[in-house]
């Protein structure tokens, strides 16, 4: 089964995780030991592959996707209400 997460490269998934934490391109670059422009390119690729227009849409998607990978007491749909539906 093909999912949005499987469309992203390993590095793009790393960048998406940092994006979900609210880091800037410069901070992402420092954490991953890459150029700031490279971090910016990864963010653009993530947005393109997921069909988002803004960085914040990609960050919200990444945060929700990350919580779905971790065991939870309550499913993400209950915590985020209809927010999940608008990102699908």
Protein backbone atom coordinates (compact mmCIF):
# COMPACT_ATOMS: atom_id res chain seq x y z
CA UNK A 1 0.00 0.00 0.00
CA UNK A 2 1.43 3.35 -1.04
CA UNK A 3 1.10 6.18 1.49
CA UNK A 4 2.17 9.82 1.52
CA UNK A 5 4.95 8.93 3.96
CA UNK A 6 6.31 6.27 1.59
CA UNK A 7 6.53 8.93 -1.14
CA UNK A 8 9.06 10.89 0.92
CA UNK A 9 12.74 9.98 1.01
CA UNK A 10 14.41 9.13 4.31
CA UNK A 11 15.93 12.62 4.48
CA UNK A 12 12.60 14.27 3.65
CA UNK A 13 10.99 12.32 6.50
CA UNK A 14 13.75 13.58 8.83
CA UNK A 15 13.16 17.14 7.66
CA UNK A 16 9.38 16.74 8.03
CA UNK A 17 9.85 15.61 11.65
CA UNK A 18 11.93 18.71 12.40
CA UNK A 19 9.44 20.86 10.51
CA UNK A 20 6.69 19.51 12.78
CA UNK A 21 8.76 20.68 15.77
CA UNK A 22 8.60 24.22 14.42
CA UNK A 23 12.24 24.53 13.35
CA UNK A 24 13.31 27.05 10.71
CA UNK A 25 15.29 26.03 7.62
CA UNK A 26 18.44 27.29 9.31
CA UNK A 27 17.77 25.23 12.44
CA UNK A 28 16.96 22.14 10.36
CA UNK A 29 20.20 22.63 8.43
CA UNK A 30 22.23 22.91 11.62
CA UNK A 31 20.66 19.79 13.12
CA UNK A 32 21.21 17.70 9.97
CA UNK A 33 24.61 19.21 9.05
CA UNK A 34 23.40 20.38 5.65
CA UNK A 35 23.27 23.77 3.94
CA UNK A 36 20.31 26.01 4.71
CA UNK A 37 19.43 26.05 1.01
CA UNK A 38 19.38 22.23 1.00
CA UNK A 39 16.96 22.25 3.94
CA UNK A 40 14.80 24.74 2.05
CA UNK A 41 14.83 22.44 -0.99
CA UNK A 42 13.76 19.46 1.13
CA UNK A 43 10.86 21.48 2.57
CA UNK A 44 9.78 22.47 -0.95
CA UNK A 45 9.95 18.84 -2.10
CA UNK A 46 7.86 17.74 0.89
CA UNK A 47 5.24 20.38 0.09
CA UNK A 48 5.20 19.40 -3.59
CA UNK A 49 4.94 15.64 -2.95
CA UNK A 50 2.16 16.07 -0.41
CA UNK A 51 0.30 18.69 -2.44
CA UNK A 52 0.49 21.48 0.13
CA UNK A 53 0.79 25.20 -0.56
CA UNK A 54 2.30 26.30 2.76
CA UNK A 55 5.02 25.22 5.11
CA UNK A 56 2.56 25.19 8.00
CA UNK A 57 0.32 22.68 6.20
CA UNK A 58 3.30 20.35 5.81
CA UNK A 59 4.26 20.87 9.47
CA UNK A 60 0.75 19.99 10.68
CA UNK A 61 0.67 16.93 8.42
CA UNK A 62 4.05 15.79 9.77
CA UNK A 63 2.97 16.30 13.38
CA UNK A 64 -0.21 14.28 12.84
CA UNK A 65 1.64 11.56 10.90
CA UNK A 66 4.21 11.30 13.71
CA UNK A 67 1.53 10.87 16.38
CA UNK A 68 -0.09 8.09 14.35
CA UNK A 69 3.18 6.14 14.40
CA UNK A 70 3.32 6.23 18.20
CA UNK A 71 0.94 4.27 20.46
CA UNK A 72 -1.76 6.59 21.76
CA UNK A 73 -4.49 6.38 24.37
CA UNK A 74 -6.81 8.26 21.98
CA UNK A 75 -6.76 8.18 18.18
CA UNK A 76 -5.44 11.39 16.53
CA UNK A 77 -8.82 12.07 14.91
CA UNK A 78 -10.31 12.60 18.37
CA UNK A 79 -7.55 14.97 19.44
CA UNK A 80 -7.47 17.01 16.24
CA UNK A 81 -11.13 16.95 15.31
CA UNK A 82 -11.70 17.71 11.65
CA UNK A 83 -8.16 19.03 11.13
CA UNK A 84 -7.04 15.59 9.94
CA UNK A 85 -9.71 15.46 7.23
CA UNK A 86 -8.59 18.72 5.62
CA UNK A 87 -5.03 17.39 5.19
CA UNK A 88 -5.99 14.08 3.57
